[in-house]
């Protein structure tokens, strides 16, 4: 390839990369309002999940919340996401979470809830 051909290829490649880098990434969906509080002493974990425009988890550890955020949303499959390491409190301290989503665009799918919890 001659010098002009290489220069043309370099310019075309650079302009393509610049165009791709200038595009805005689609932001993850997020909840409108979130409340996270330590679980009252004596209360046991009750789990939770999405219902309508709400996502609740009661008496859940940070480890449980992470598993809820990153589990597979394919029906009929078991989540193989595991959390390794970390301080002992991620599997001991319990929290109650109540989050509200904007449903003005229609019902929220389970995979969208996963992304919202990740956010």
PDB file of N, CA and C in Angstrom:
ATOM      1  N   UNK A   1       0.858  -1.159   0.000  1.00  0.00           N
ATOM      2  CA  UNK A   1       0.000   0.000   0.000  1.00  0.00           C
ATOM      3  C   UNK A   1       0.913   1.232   0.000  1.00  0.00           C
ATOM      4  N   UNK A   2       0.594   2.175  -0.842  1.00  0.00           N
ATOM      5  CA  UNK A   2       1.435   3.371  -0.922  1.00  0.00           C
ATOM      6  C   UNK A   2       1.153   4.315   0.245  1.00  0.00           C
ATOM      7  N   UNK A   3       1.947   5.351   0.309  1.00  0.00           N
ATOM      8  CA  UNK A   3       1.880   6.295   1.423  1.00  0.00           C
ATOM      9  C   UNK A   3       0.535   7.013   1.496  1.00  0.00           C
ATOM     10  N   UNK A   4      -0.019   7.419   0.386  1.00  0.00           N
ATOM     11  CA  UNK A   4      -1.309   8.112   0.357  1.00  0.00           C
ATOM     12  C   UNK A   4      -2.424   7.169   0.811  1.00  0.00           C
ATOM     13  N   UNK A   5      -2.355   5.921   0.379  1.00  0.00           N
ATOM     14  CA  UNK A   5      -3.361   4.934   0.771  1.00  0.00           C
ATOM     15  C   UNK A   5      -3.347   4.687   2.271  1.00  0.00           C
ATOM     16  N   UNK A   6      -2.147   4.600   2.871  1.00  0.00           N
ATOM     17  CA  UNK A   6      -2.030   4.397   4.312  1.00  0.00           C
ATOM     18  C   UNK A   6      -2.545   5.612   5.083  1.00  0.00           C
ATOM     19  N   UNK A   7      -2.227   6.788   4.593  1.00  0.00           N
ATOM     20  CA  UNK A   7      -2.690   8.008   5.251  1.00  0.00           C
ATOM     21  C   UNK A   7      -4.216   8.100   5.187  1.00  0.00           C
ATOM     22  N   UNK A   8      -4.795   7.764   4.047  1.00  0.00           N
ATOM     23  CA  UNK A   8      -6.252   7.775   3.892  1.00  0.00           C
ATOM     24  C   UNK A   8      -6.893   6.766   4.843  1.00  0.00           C
ATOM     25  N   UNK A   9      -6.308   5.583   4.935  1.00  0.00           N
ATOM     26  CA  UNK A   9      -6.828   4.559   5.841  1.00  0.00           C
ATOM     27  C   UNK A   9      -6.726   5.014   7.294  1.00  0.00           C
ATOM     28  N   UNK A  10      -5.629   5.639   7.657  1.00  0.00           N
ATOM     29  CA  UNK A  10      -5.436   6.143   9.011  1.00  0.00           C
ATOM     30  C   UNK A  10      -6.471   7.218   9.353  1.00  0.00           C
ATOM     31  N   UNK A  11      -6.715   8.135   8.435  1.00  0.00           N
ATOM     32  CA  UNK A  11      -7.694   9.208   8.662  1.00  0.00           C
ATOM     33  C   UNK A  11      -9.105   8.630   8.777  1.00  0.00           C
ATOM     34  N   UNK A  12      -9.430   7.666   7.912  1.00  0.00           N
ATOM     35  CA  UNK A  12     -10.761   7.048   7.960  1.00  0.00           C
ATOM     36  C   UNK A  12     -10.965   6.309   9.278  1.00  0.00           C
ATOM     37  N   UNK A  13      -9.944   5.602   9.722  1.00  0.00           N
ATOM     38  CA  UNK A  13     -10.037   4.876  10.984  1.00  0.00           C
ATOM     39  C   UNK A  13     -10.173   5.840  12.155  1.00  0.00           C
ATOM     40  N   UNK A  14      -9.382   6.887  12.171  1.00  0.00           N
ATOM     41  CA  UNK A  14      -9.439   7.866  13.258  1.00  0.00           C
ATOM     42  C   UNK A  14     -10.801   8.545  13.311  1.00  0.00           C
ATOM     43  N   UNK A  15     -11.362   8.893  12.169  1.00  0.00           N
ATOM     44  CA  UNK A  15     -12.667   9.566  12.183  1.00  0.00           C
ATOM     45  C   UNK A  15     -13.769   8.605  12.622  1.00  0.00           C
ATOM     46  N   UNK A  16     -13.642   7.327  12.287  1.00  0.00           N
ATOM     47  CA  UNK A  16     -14.633   6.339  12.733  1.00  0.00           C
ATOM     48  C   UNK A  16     -14.573   6.165  14.241  1.00  0.00           C
ATOM     49  N   UNK A  17     -13.372   6.088  14.786  1.00  0.00           N
ATOM     50  CA  UNK A  17     -13.204   5.931  16.228  1.00  0.00           C
ATOM     51  C   UNK A  17     -13.738   7.164  16.949  1.00  0.00           C
ATOM     52  N   UNK A  18     -13.445   8.355  16.446  1.00  0.00           N
ATOM     53  CA  UNK A  18     -13.949   9.587  17.073  1.00  0.00           C
ATOM     54  C   UNK A  18     -15.467   9.620  17.072  1.00  0.00           C
ATOM     55  N   UNK A  19     -16.078   9.175  15.973  1.00  0.00           N
ATOM     56  CA  UNK A  19     -17.546   9.157  15.907  1.00  0.00           C
ATOM     57  C   UNK A  19     -18.124   8.193  16.935  1.00  0.00           C
ATOM     58  N   UNK A  20     -17.493   7.032  17.102  1.00  0.00           N
ATOM     59  CA  UNK A  20     -17.980   6.063  18.080  1.00  0.00           C
ATOM     60  C   UNK A  20     -17.802   6.572  19.505  1.00  0.00           C
ATOM     61  N   UNK A  21     -16.681   7.210  19.786  1.00  0.00           N
ATOM     62  CA  UNK A  21     -16.425   7.699  21.132  1.00  0.00           C
ATOM     63  C   UNK A  21     -17.312   8.876  21.505  1.00  0.00           C
ATOM     64  N   UNK A  22     -17.798   9.605  20.544  1.00  0.00           N
ATOM     65  CA  UNK A  22     -18.624  10.769  20.847  1.00  0.00           C
ATOM     66  C   UNK A  22     -20.074  10.413  21.129  1.00  0.00           C
ATOM     67  N   UNK A  23     -20.472   9.156  20.865  1.00  0.00           N
ATOM     68  CA  UNK A  23     -21.848   8.755  21.126  1.00  0.00           C
ATOM     69  C   UNK A  23     -22.063   8.615  22.623  1.00  0.00           C
ATOM     70  N   UNK A  24     -23.228   9.018  23.085  1.00  0.00           N
ATOM     71  CA  UNK A  24     -23.568   8.899  24.495  1.00  0.00           C
ATOM     72  C   UNK A  24     -24.018   7.482  24.796  1.00  0.00           C
ATOM     73  N   UNK A  25     -23.504   6.924  25.868  1.00  0.00           N
ATOM     74  CA  UNK A  25     -23.936   5.600  26.293  1.00  0.00           C
ATOM     75  C   UNK A  25     -25.324   5.721  26.912  1.00  0.00           C
ATOM     76  N   UNK A  26     -26.122   4.670  26.757  1.00  0.00           N
ATOM     77  CA  UNK A  26     -27.457   4.661  27.337  1.00  0.00           C
ATOM     78  C   UNK A  26     -27.306   4.435  28.840  1.00  0.00           C
ATOM     79  N   UNK A  27     -27.803   5.346  29.665  1.00  0.00           N
ATOM     80  CA  UNK A  27     -27.647   5.180  31.114  1.00  0.00           C
ATOM     81  C   UNK A  27     -28.508   4.021  31.625  1.00  0.00           C
ATOM     82  N   UNK A  28     -28.039   3.401  32.707  1.00  0.00           N
ATOM     83  CA  UNK A  28     -28.819   2.347  33.343  1.00  0.00           C
ATOM     84  C   UNK A  28     -30.071   2.963  33.940  1.00  0.00           C
ATOM     85  N   UNK A  29     -31.180   2.231  33.914  1.00  0.00           N
ATOM     86  CA  UNK A  29     -32.370   2.751  34.594  1.00  0.00           C
ATOM     87  C   UNK A  29     -32.098   2.808  36.094  1.00  0.00           C
ATOM     88  N   UNK A  30     -32.737   3.722  36.765  1.00  0.00           N
ATOM     89  CA  UNK A  30     -32.538   3.891  38.205  1.00  0.00           C
ATOM     90  C   UNK A  30     -33.878   4.151  38.883  1.00  0.00           C
ATOM     91  N   UNK A  31     -33.940   3.869  40.156  1.00  0.00           N
ATOM     92  CA  UNK A  31     -35.142   4.157  40.936  1.00  0.00           C
ATOM     93  C   UNK A  31     -35.266   5.662  41.146  1.00  0.00           C
ATOM     94  N   UNK A  32     -36.503   6.133  41.309  1.00  0.00           N
ATOM     95  CA  UNK A  32     -36.736   7.543  41.605  1.00  0.00           C
ATOM     96  C   UNK A  32     -36.387   7.860  43.054  1.00  0.00           C
ATOM     97  N   UNK A  33     -36.808   6.982  43.965  1.00  0.00           N
ATOM     98  CA  UNK A  33     -36.612   7.193  45.394  1.00  0.00           C
ATOM     99  C   UNK A  33     -36.179   5.871  46.024  1.00  0.00           C
ATOM    100  N   UNK A  34     -35.184   5.933  46.920  1.00  0.00           N
ATOM    101  CA  UNK A  34     -34.717   4.732  47.613  1.00  0.00           C
ATOM    102  C   UNK A  34     -34.558   5.050  49.096  1.00  0.00           C
ATOM    103  N   UNK A  35     -35.022   4.137  49.934  1.00  0.00           N
ATOM    104  CA  UNK A  35     -34.818   4.244  51.373  1.00  0.00           C
ATOM    105  C   UNK A  35     -34.127   2.962  51.834  1.00  0.00           C
ATOM    106  N   UNK A  36     -32.961   3.109  52.472  1.00  0.00           N
ATOM    107  CA  UNK A  36     -32.246   1.965  53.027  1.00  0.00           C
ATOM    108  C   UNK A  36     -31.968   2.267  54.489  1.00  0.00           C
ATOM    109  N   UNK A  37     -32.476   1.396  55.372  1.00  0.00           N
ATOM    110  CA  UNK A  37     -32.327   1.586  56.812  1.00  0.00           C
ATOM    111  C   UNK A  37     -31.895   0.273  57.446  1.00  0.00           C
ATOM    112  N   UNK A  38     -31.149   0.354  58.543  1.00  0.00           N
ATOM    113  CA  UNK A  38     -30.825  -0.884  59.266  1.00  0.00           C
ATOM    114  C   UNK A  38     -32.107  -1.548  59.751  1.00  0.00           C
ATOM    115  N   UNK A  39     -32.151  -2.865  59.674  1.00  0.00           N
ATOM    116  CA  UNK A  39     -33.301  -3.613  60.160  1.00  0.00           C
ATOM    117  C   UNK A  39     -33.376  -3.470  61.678  1.00  0.00           C
ATOM    118  N   UNK A  40     -34.580  -3.287  62.182  1.00  0.00           N
ATOM    119  CA  UNK A  40     -34.775  -3.152  63.634  1.00  0.00           C
ATOM    120  C   UNK A  40     -34.296  -4.424  64.337  1.00  0.00           C
ATOM    121  N   UNK A  41     -33.677  -4.268  65.521  1.00  0.00           N
ATOM    122  CA  UNK A  41     -33.200  -5.450  66.249  1.00  0.00           C
ATOM    123  C   UNK A  41     -34.339  -6.432  66.507  1.00  0.00           C
ATOM    124  N   UNK A  42     -34.047  -7.701  66.359  1.00  0.00           N
ATOM    125  CA  UNK A  42     -35.049  -8.735  66.603  1.00  0.00           C
ATOM    126  C   UNK A  42     -35.846  -9.130  65.372  1.00  0.00           C
ATOM    127  N   UNK A  43     -35.857  -8.293  64.331  1.00  0.00           N
ATOM    128  CA  UNK A  43     -36.571  -8.657  63.100  1.00  0.00           C
ATOM    129  C   UNK A  43     -35.727  -9.625  62.286  1.00  0.00           C
ATOM    130  N   UNK A  44     -36.366 -10.578  61.683  1.00  0.00           N
ATOM    131  CA  UNK A  44     -35.670 -11.557  60.849  1.00  0.00           C
ATOM    132  C   UNK A  44     -35.775 -11.155  59.391  1.00  0.00           C
ATOM    133  N   UNK A  45     -34.874 -11.703  58.584  1.00  0.00           N
ATOM    134  CA  UNK A  45     -34.915 -11.458  57.147  1.00  0.00           C
ATOM    135  C   UNK A  45     -36.203 -11.984  56.546  1.00  0.00           C
ATOM    136  N   UNK A  46     -36.822 -11.183  55.711  1.00  0.00           N
ATOM    137  CA  UNK A  46     -38.075 -11.585  55.073  1.00  0.00           C
ATOM    138  C   UNK A  46     -37.962 -11.559  53.555  1.00  0.00           C
ATOM    139  N   UNK A  47     -36.801 -11.223  53.040  1.00  0.00           N
ATOM    140  CA  UNK A  47     -36.639 -11.194  51.586  1.00  0.00           C
ATOM    141  C   UNK A  47     -37.415 -10.076  50.946  1.00  0.00           C
ATOM    142  N   UNK A  48     -37.870 -10.300  49.727  1.00  0.00           N
ATOM    143  CA  UNK A  48     -38.625  -9.291  48.999  1.00  0.00           C
ATOM    144  C   UNK A  48     -38.400  -9.419  47.516  1.00  0.00           C
ATOM    145  N   UNK A  49     -38.574  -8.316  46.815  1.00  0.00           N
ATOM    146  CA  UNK A  49     -38.406  -8.303  45.370  1.00  0.00           C
ATOM    147  C   UNK A  49     -39.310  -7.266  44.735  1.00  0.00           C
ATOM    148  N   UNK A  50     -39.416  -7.298  43.397  1.00  0.00           N
ATOM    149  CA  UNK A  50     -40.230  -6.295  42.712  1.00  0.00           C
ATOM    150  C   UNK A  50     -41.719  -6.618  42.779  1.00  0.00           C
ATOM    151  N   UNK A  51     -42.511  -5.554  42.953  1.00  0.00           N
ATOM    152  CA  UNK A  51     -43.979  -5.642  42.879  1.00  0.00           C
ATOM    153  C   UNK A  51     -44.481  -4.318  42.347  1.00  0.00           C
ATOM    154  N   UNK A  52     -45.009  -4.335  41.155  1.00  0.00           N
ATOM    155  CA  UNK A  52     -45.511  -3.109  40.554  1.00  0.00           C
ATOM    156  C   UNK A  52     -44.395  -2.105  40.374  1.00  0.00           C
ATOM    157  N   UNK A  53     -44.560  -0.922  40.982  1.00  0.00           N
ATOM    158  CA  UNK A  53     -43.535   0.118  40.847  1.00  0.00           C
ATOM    159  C   UNK A  53     -42.588   0.139  42.047  1.00  0.00           C
ATOM    160  N   UNK A  54     -42.636  -0.888  42.887  1.00  0.00           N
ATOM    161  CA  UNK A  54     -41.822  -0.947  44.104  1.00  0.00           C
ATOM    162  C   UNK A  54     -40.852  -2.126  44.064  1.00  0.00           C
ATOM    163  N   UNK A  55     -39.727  -1.929  44.749  1.00  0.00           N
ATOM    164  CA  UNK A  55     -38.780  -3.003  44.986  1.00  0.00           C
ATOM    165  C   UNK A  55     -38.466  -2.953  46.465  1.00  0.00           C
ATOM    166  N   UNK A  56     -38.755  -4.044  47.183  1.00  0.00           N
ATOM    167  CA  UNK A  56     -38.501  -4.068  48.616  1.00  0.00           C
ATOM    168  C   UNK A  56     -37.663  -5.283  48.979  1.00  0.00           C
ATOM    169  N   UNK A  57     -36.820  -5.112  49.970  1.00  0.00           N
ATOM    170  CA  UNK A  57     -36.084  -6.210  50.576  1.00  0.00           C
ATOM    171  C   UNK A  57     -36.043  -5.895  52.064  1.00  0.00           C
ATOM    172  N   UNK A  58     -36.524  -6.804  52.879  1.00  0.00           N
ATOM    173  CA  UNK A  58     -36.575  -6.577  54.328  1.00  0.00           C
ATOM    174  C   UNK A  58     -35.654  -7.571  55.023  1.00  0.00           C
ATOM    175  N   UNK A  59     -34.840  -7.061  55.929  1.00  0.00           N
ATOM    176  CA  UNK A  59     -33.939  -7.919  56.684  1.00  0.00           C
ATOM    177  C   UNK A  59     -32.893  -8.584  55.810  1.00  0.00           C
ATOM    178  N   UNK A  60     -32.437  -7.887  54.797  1.00  0.00           N
ATOM    179  CA  UNK A  60     -31.490  -8.461  53.841  1.00  0.00           C
ATOM    180  C   UNK A  60     -30.081  -7.957  54.094  1.00  0.00           C
ATOM    181  N   UNK A  61     -29.131  -8.807  53.814  1.00  0.00           N
ATOM    182  CA  UNK A  61     -27.729  -8.412  53.933  1.00  0.00           C
ATOM    183  C   UNK A  61     -27.278  -7.790  52.614  1.00  0.00           C
ATOM    184  N   UNK A  62     -26.136  -7.124  52.645  1.00  0.00           N
ATOM    185  CA  UNK A  62     -25.569  -6.567  51.412  1.00  0.00           C
ATOM    186  C   UNK A  62     -25.294  -7.677  50.408  1.00  0.00           C
ATOM    187  N   UNK A  63     -24.873  -8.820  50.888  1.00  0.00           N
ATOM    188  CA  UNK A  63     -24.614  -9.961  50.007  1.00  0.00           C
ATOM    189  C   UNK A  63     -25.898 -10.378  49.280  1.00  0.00           C
ATOM    190  N   UNK A  64     -27.012 -10.410  49.999  1.00  0.00           N
ATOM    191  CA  UNK A  64     -28.294 -10.769  49.378  1.00  0.00           C
ATOM    192  C   UNK A  64     -28.708  -9.733  48.330  1.00  0.00           C
ATOM    193  N   UNK A  65     -28.480  -8.461  48.632  1.00  0.00           N
ATOM    194  CA  UNK A  65     -28.824  -7.397  47.691  1.00  0.00           C
ATOM    195  C   UNK A  65     -27.980  -7.517  46.420  1.00  0.00           C
ATOM    196  N   UNK A  66     -26.703  -7.797  46.574  1.00  0.00           N
ATOM    197  CA  UNK A  66     -25.832  -7.983  45.402  1.00  0.00           C
ATOM    198  C   UNK A  66     -26.288  -9.176  44.569  1.00  0.00           C
ATOM    199  N   UNK A  67     -26.671 -10.247  45.228  1.00  0.00           N
ATOM    200  CA  UNK A  67     -27.155 -11.410  44.497  1.00  0.00           C
ATOM    201  C   UNK A  67     -28.450 -11.096  43.758  1.00  0.00           C
ATOM    202  N   UNK A  68     -29.325 -10.298  44.379  1.00  0.00           N
ATOM    203  CA  UNK A  68     -30.568  -9.901  43.708  1.00  0.00           C
ATOM    204  C   UNK A  68     -30.283  -9.018  42.505  1.00  0.00           C
ATOM    205  N   UNK A  69     -29.259  -8.183  42.606  1.00  0.00           N
ATOM    206  CA  UNK A  69     -28.931  -7.253  41.516  1.00  0.00           C
ATOM    207  C   UNK A  69     -28.323  -7.959  40.314  1.00  0.00           C
ATOM    208  N   UNK A  70     -27.534  -8.993  40.552  1.00  0.00           N
ATOM    209  CA  UNK A  70     -26.783  -9.598  39.468  1.00  0.00           C
ATOM    210  C   UNK A  70     -27.216 -11.010  39.106  1.00  0.00           C
ATOM    211  N   UNK A  71     -28.335 -11.479  39.633  1.00  0.00           N
ATOM    212  CA  UNK A  71     -28.790 -12.814  39.262  1.00  0.00           C
ATOM    213  C   UNK A  71     -29.299 -12.829  37.842  1.00  0.00           C
ATOM    214  N   UNK A  72     -29.318 -13.973  37.265  1.00  0.00           N
ATOM    215  CA  UNK A  72     -29.857 -14.103  35.908  1.00  0.00           C
ATOM    216  C   UNK A  72     -31.357 -13.878  35.932  1.00  0.00           C
ATOM    217  N   UNK A  73     -31.839 -13.208  34.914  1.00  0.00           N
ATOM    218  CA  UNK A  73     -33.282 -12.946  34.855  1.00  0.00           C
ATOM    219  C   UNK A  73     -33.974 -13.887  33.886  1.00  0.00           C
ATOM    220  N   UNK A  74     -33.270 -14.927  33.425  1.00  0.00           N
ATOM    221  CA  UNK A  74     -33.865 -15.895  32.515  1.00  0.00           C
ATOM    222  C   UNK A  74     -34.724 -16.863  33.315  1.00  0.00           C
ATOM    223  N   UNK A  75     -36.010 -16.986  32.973  1.00  0.00           N
ATOM    224  CA  UNK A  75     -36.876 -17.900  33.717  1.00  0.00           C
ATOM    225  C   UNK A  75     -36.340 -19.333  33.664  1.00  0.00           C
ATOM    226  N   UNK A  76     -36.461 -20.020  34.784  1.00  0.00           N
ATOM    227  CA  UNK A  76     -36.070 -21.427  34.830  1.00  0.00           C
ATOM    228  C   UNK A  76     -34.596 -21.666  35.081  1.00  0.00           C
ATOM    229  N   UNK A  77     -33.797 -20.620  35.244  1.00  0.00           N
ATOM    230  CA  UNK A  77     -32.376 -20.833  35.525  1.00  0.00           C
ATOM    231  C   UNK A  77     -32.076 -20.364  36.940  1.00  0.00           C
ATOM    232  N   UNK A  78     -31.099 -20.997  37.530  1.00  0.00           N
ATOM    233  CA  UNK A  78     -30.677 -20.627  38.873  1.00  0.00           C
ATOM    234  C   UNK A  78     -29.498 -19.680  38.745  1.00  0.00           C
ATOM    235  N   UNK A  79     -29.488 -18.645  39.561  1.00  0.00           N
ATOM    236  CA  UNK A  79     -28.392 -17.689  39.531  1.00  0.00           C
ATOM    237  C   UNK A  79     -27.105 -18.359  39.971  1.00  0.00           C
ATOM    238  N   UNK A  80     -26.046 -18.153  39.200  1.00  0.00           N
ATOM    239  CA  UNK A  80     -24.761 -18.695  39.610  1.00  0.00           C
ATOM    240  C   UNK A  80     -23.832 -17.573  40.053  1.00  0.00           C
ATOM    241  N   UNK A  81     -24.403 -16.383  40.322  1.00  0.00           N
ATOM    242  CA  UNK A  81     -23.613 -15.264  40.819  1.00  0.00           C
ATOM    243  C   UNK A  81     -23.272 -15.531  42.277  1.00  0.00           C
ATOM    244  N   UNK A  82     -22.020 -15.370  42.614  1.00  0.00           N
ATOM    245  CA  UNK A  82     -21.588 -15.572  43.991  1.00  0.00           C
ATOM    246  C   UNK A  82     -20.715 -14.407  44.404  1.00  0.00           C
ATOM    247  N   UNK A  83     -20.786 -14.067  45.678  1.00  0.00           N
ATOM    248  CA  UNK A  83     -19.956 -13.009  46.228  1.00  0.00           C
ATOM    249  C   UNK A  83     -18.866 -13.675  47.054  1.00  0.00           C
ATOM    250  N   UNK A  84     -17.616 -13.352  46.768  1.00  0.00           N
ATOM    251  CA  UNK A  84     -16.487 -13.925  47.494  1.00  0.00           C
ATOM    252  C   UNK A  84     -15.764 -12.829  48.260  1.00  0.00           C
ATOM    253  N   UNK A  85     -15.332 -13.147  49.451  1.00  0.00           N
ATOM    254  CA  UNK A  85     -14.531 -12.212  50.229  1.00  0.00           C
ATOM    255  C   UNK A  85     -15.363 -11.083  50.802  1.00  0.00           C
ATOM    256  N   UNK A  86     -14.674 -10.023  51.161  1.00  0.00           N
ATOM    257  CA  UNK A  86     -15.321  -8.863  51.751  1.00  0.00           C
ATOM    258  C   UNK A  86     -15.324  -8.963  53.256  1.00  0.00           C
ATOM    259  N   UNK A  87     -15.662  -7.877  53.925  1.00  0.00           N
ATOM    260  CA  UNK A  87     -15.722  -7.889  55.391  1.00  0.00           C
ATOM    261  C   UNK A  87     -16.887  -8.752  55.870  1.00  0.00           C
ATOM    262  N   UNK A  88     -16.815  -9.188  57.111  1.00  0.00           N
ATOM    263  CA  UNK A  88     -17.840 -10.091  57.652  1.00  0.00           C
ATOM    264  C   UNK A  88     -19.224  -9.449  57.681  1.00  0.00           C
ATOM    265  N   UNK A  89     -19.289  -8.105  57.794  1.00  0.00           N
ATOM    266  CA  UNK A  89     -20.591  -7.452  57.925  1.00  0.00           C
ATOM    267  C   UNK A  89     -21.452  -7.556  56.676  1.00  0.00           C
ATOM    268  N   UNK A  90     -20.866  -7.838  55.492  1.00  0.00           N
ATOM    269  CA  UNK A  90     -21.714  -7.933  54.290  1.00  0.00           C
ATOM    270  C   UNK A  90     -22.649  -9.138  54.347  1.00  0.00           C
ATOM    271  N   UNK A  91     -22.335 -10.083  55.231  1.00  0.00           N
ATOM    272  CA  UNK A  91     -23.178 -11.263  55.378  1.00  0.00           C
ATOM    273  C   UNK A  91     -23.851 -11.312  56.754  1.00  0.00           C
ATOM    274  N   UNK A  92     -23.681 -10.249  57.551  1.00  0.00           N
ATOM    275  CA  UNK A  92     -24.244 -10.230  58.908  1.00  0.00           C
ATOM    276  C   UNK A  92     -25.233  -9.090  59.119  1.00  0.00           C
ATOM    277  N   UNK A  93     -24.835  -7.857  58.810  1.00  0.00           N
ATOM    278  CA  UNK A  93     -25.702  -6.696  59.049  1.00  0.00           C
ATOM    279  C   UNK A  93     -26.901  -6.741  58.100  1.00  0.00           C
ATOM    280  N   UNK A  94     -28.076  -6.468  58.653  1.00  0.00           N
ATOM    281  CA  UNK A  94     -29.300  -6.540  57.860  1.00  0.00           C
ATOM    282  C   UNK A  94     -29.901  -5.156  57.639  1.00  0.00           C
ATOM    283  N   UNK A  95     -30.500  -4.989  56.449  1.00  0.00           N
ATOM    284  CA  UNK A  95     -31.079  -3.704  56.059  1.00  0.00           C
ATOM    285  C   UNK A  95     -32.457  -3.920  55.440  1.00  0.00           C
ATOM    286  N   UNK A  96     -33.294  -2.900  55.552  1.00  0.00           N
ATOM    287  CA  UNK A  96     -34.590  -2.863  54.882  1.00  0.00           C
ATOM    288  C   UNK A  96     -34.484  -1.855  53.752  1.00  0.00           C
ATOM    289  N   UNK A  97     -34.850  -2.269  52.548  1.00  0.00           N
ATOM    290  CA  UNK A  97     -34.771  -1.391  51.380  1.00  0.00           C
ATOM    291  C   UNK A  97     -36.153  -1.261  50.767  1.00  0.00           C
ATOM    292  N   UNK A  98     -36.534  -0.035  50.473  1.00  0.00           N
ATOM    293  CA  UNK A  98     -37.789   0.240  49.785  1.00  0.00           C
ATOM    294  C   UNK A  98     -37.477   1.248  48.683  1.00  0.00           C
ATOM    295  N   UNK A  99     -37.733   0.862  47.437  1.00  0.00           N
ATOM    296  CA  UNK A  99     -37.424   1.731  46.302  1.00  0.00           C
ATOM    297  C   UNK A  99     -38.656   1.861  45.419  1.00  0.00           C
ATOM    298  N   UNK A 100     -38.823   3.039  44.828  1.00  0.00           N
ATOM    299  CA  UNK A 100     -39.952   3.307  43.938  1.00  0.00           C
ATOM    300  C   UNK A 100     -39.418   3.648  42.562  1.00  0.00           C
ATOM    301  N   UNK A 101     -40.028   3.022  41.554  1.00  0.00           N
ATOM    302  CA  UNK A 101     -39.621   3.237  40.167  1.00  0.00           C
ATOM    303  C   UNK A 101     -40.678   4.046  39.427  1.00  0.00           C
ATOM    304  N   UNK A 102     -40.268   4.682  38.355  1.00  0.00           N
ATOM    305  CA  UNK A 102     -41.188   5.417  37.484  1.00  0.00           C
ATOM    306  C   UNK A 102     -41.762   4.432  36.479  1.00  0.00           C
ATOM    307  N   UNK A 103     -43.054   4.203  36.545  1.00  0.00           N
ATOM    308  CA  UNK A 103     -43.724   3.262  35.641  1.00  0.00           C
ATOM    309  C   UNK A 103     -44.500   3.973  34.539  1.00  0.00           C
ATOM    310  N   UNK A 104     -44.191   5.244  34.306  1.00  0.00           N
ATOM    311  CA  UNK A 104     -44.956   5.992  33.302  1.00  0.00           C
ATOM    312  C   UNK A 104     -44.768   5.426  31.901  1.00  0.00           C
ATOM    313  N   UNK A 105     -43.680   4.703  31.665  1.00  0.00           N
ATOM    314  CA  UNK A 105     -43.433   4.090  30.352  1.00  0.00           C
ATOM    315  C   UNK A 105     -44.010   2.703  30.232  1.00  0.00           C
ATOM    316  N   UNK A 106     -44.783   2.269  31.206  1.00  0.00           N
ATOM    317  CA  UNK A 106     -45.372   0.937  31.189  1.00  0.00           C
ATOM    318  C   UNK A 106     -44.756   0.068  32.277  1.00  0.00           C
ATOM    319  N   UNK A 107     -45.177  -1.194  32.335  1.00  0.00           N
ATOM    320  CA  UNK A 107     -44.662  -2.095  33.363  1.00  0.00           C
ATOM    321  C   UNK A 107     -43.140  -2.266  33.253  1.00  0.00           C
ATOM    322  N   UNK A 108     -42.518  -2.446  34.389  1.00  0.00           N
ATOM    323  CA  UNK A 108     -41.066  -2.621  34.424  1.00  0.00           C
ATOM    324  C   UNK A 108     -40.750  -4.113  34.419  1.00  0.00           C
ATOM    325  N   UNK A 109     -39.892  -4.507  33.502  1.00  0.00           N
ATOM    326  CA  UNK A 109     -39.501  -5.910  33.382  1.00  0.00           C
ATOM    327  C   UNK A 109     -38.502  -6.268  34.486  1.00  0.00           C
ATOM    328  N   UNK A 110     -38.397  -7.556  34.780  1.00  0.00           N
ATOM    329  CA  UNK A 110     -37.495  -8.037  35.816  1.00  0.00           C
ATOM    330  C   UNK A 110     -36.046  -7.666  35.518  1.00  0.00           C
ATOM    331  N   UNK A 111     -35.631  -7.772  34.264  1.00  0.00           N
ATOM    332  CA  UNK A 111     -34.239  -7.424  33.934  1.00  0.00           C
ATOM    333  C   UNK A 111     -33.975  -5.940  34.159  1.00  0.00           C
ATOM    334  N   UNK A 112     -34.998  -5.085  34.009  1.00  0.00           N
ATOM    335  CA  UNK A 112     -34.833  -3.663  34.300  1.00  0.00           C
ATOM    336  C   UNK A 112     -34.679  -3.436  35.799  1.00  0.00           C
ATOM    337  N   UNK A 113     -35.425  -4.198  36.611  1.00  0.00           N
ATOM    338  CA  UNK A 113     -35.265  -4.097  38.062  1.00  0.00           C
ATOM    339  C   UNK A 113     -33.848  -4.470  38.472  1.00  0.00           C
ATOM    340  N   UNK A 114     -33.282  -5.484  37.827  1.00  0.00           N
ATOM    341  CA  UNK A 114     -31.910  -5.888  38.148  1.00  0.00           C
ATOM    342  C   UNK A 114     -30.958  -4.721  37.892  1.00  0.00           C
ATOM    343  N   UNK A 115     -31.129  -4.048  36.760  1.00  0.00           N
ATOM    344  CA  UNK A 115     -30.269  -2.898  36.433  1.00  0.00           C
ATOM    345  C   UNK A 115     -30.491  -1.759  37.418  1.00  0.00           C
ATOM    346  N   UNK A 116     -31.727  -1.556  37.846  1.00  0.00           N
ATOM    347  CA  UNK A 116     -32.023  -0.493  38.806  1.00  0.00           C
ATOM    348  C   UNK A 116     -31.351  -0.779  40.147  1.00  0.00           C
ATOM    349  N   UNK A 117     -31.388  -2.016  40.596  1.00  0.00           N
ATOM    350  CA  UNK A 117     -30.738  -2.358  41.867  1.00  0.00           C
ATOM    351  C   UNK A 117     -29.221  -2.201  41.727  1.00  0.00           C
ATOM    352  N   UNK A 118     -28.686  -2.530  40.565  1.00  0.00           N
ATOM    353  CA  UNK A 118     -27.253  -2.331  40.330  1.00  0.00           C
ATOM    354  C   UNK A 118     -26.886  -0.850  40.431  1.00  0.00           C
ATOM    355  N   UNK A 119     -27.765   0.014  39.899  1.00  0.00           N
ATOM    356  CA  UNK A 119     -27.508   1.461  39.964  1.00  0.00           C
ATOM    357  C   UNK A 119     -27.493   1.930  41.397  1.00  0.00           C
TER     358      UNK A 119
END
